[in-house]
Amino acid sequence: MPPAVRPYLGALRRSAIANPARIGLQKRRLMKSAALSAAERELLRRVSSRIHHRDGMYAGSGEQYFLAGLSALACIDEVLRAASVEEVADFLDMPSGYGRELRFFALRFPRATCTACDIQPGATDFCAREFGARPVVSRPRLGEVSFGRKFDLVWCGSLVTHLDPDSTRELLRLFARHLKPRGVAVFTFHGDHVLRRMRDGGETYELDPAAVPALVSHYEAAPARASSHFKTSMRVTGCSSHAVARQSTGLPGAVFSASSACSRS
């Protein structure tokens, strides 16, 4: 096969997999699940079935795709209750991707102004077109990102897992600059569930296997070191990591975090 043809065939294959009729069927099948609450089933009924063919979060299973959105919303609702936040007028989804979670947030907060931020311009354009979001294209240097407004709520799903320590600190500073005084940020990260898989199950997450033991030891010692910086206030139901903490080092509001292990299995 000529190399020049492969991208076109790949796009054709992705378009076929993301066929709206196929995704709609998968969604209707999920709605029959006894594990869903009535409220979740209603959200699922109303949520858009349009998935962009370049959405890397959709690998052919609509059930897993929509469950991830419901799980994110459950984490957010838990944190908002804990923080006594009753109204969300402005929220940020970063990285939004092509709206796997944002489509649920737009339904949950219908009167709020939503901002979709991602490094992929096509992703933010899709979120603007399909879900009415304000598109903001991110930058490789997070310190150069600006939103021109502040937020009651920030959702940051699975970005920290791809960042080094310095970039993670820069991300938290970015949120601090753009949170309202009582705003909250919810972000996911690898926690105890991933630790067990690396320590007991042989999972490497594409790391050098020889580096895994030292990484595991470093993580297991982290709670003692972190105690001087964070005051743990509660744990989010269903999250296996040290899930909710109040920053005590100068952020304008409470910054909450939820482990990526809180997603449904």
Foldseek 3Di string as FASTA:
>chain_A
DDPVCVVVVLLVVLCVLLPLVLLVVLLVVLLPDPVDDPVLSVLSVPFDSHDDSPQPVCPNHSNQLQLQLVLLVLLVVLVCVVLVPDAWAEEEEVQCFQNSNPSSVCVVHVNHAYAHEEQDQVSQVNCCVPRVHHYDYADPQNLPDDDPAATQEYEYEPPVQVDDPVSVVSVVVRNLVRHDLAHEYEYAYAFDVVLCCVVPVVDDVPPDNVCSVVVSVVRVPPVVVCVVFWDQDDARPQADHSWFTAGDPDRSHGYTYGYPRSRDD
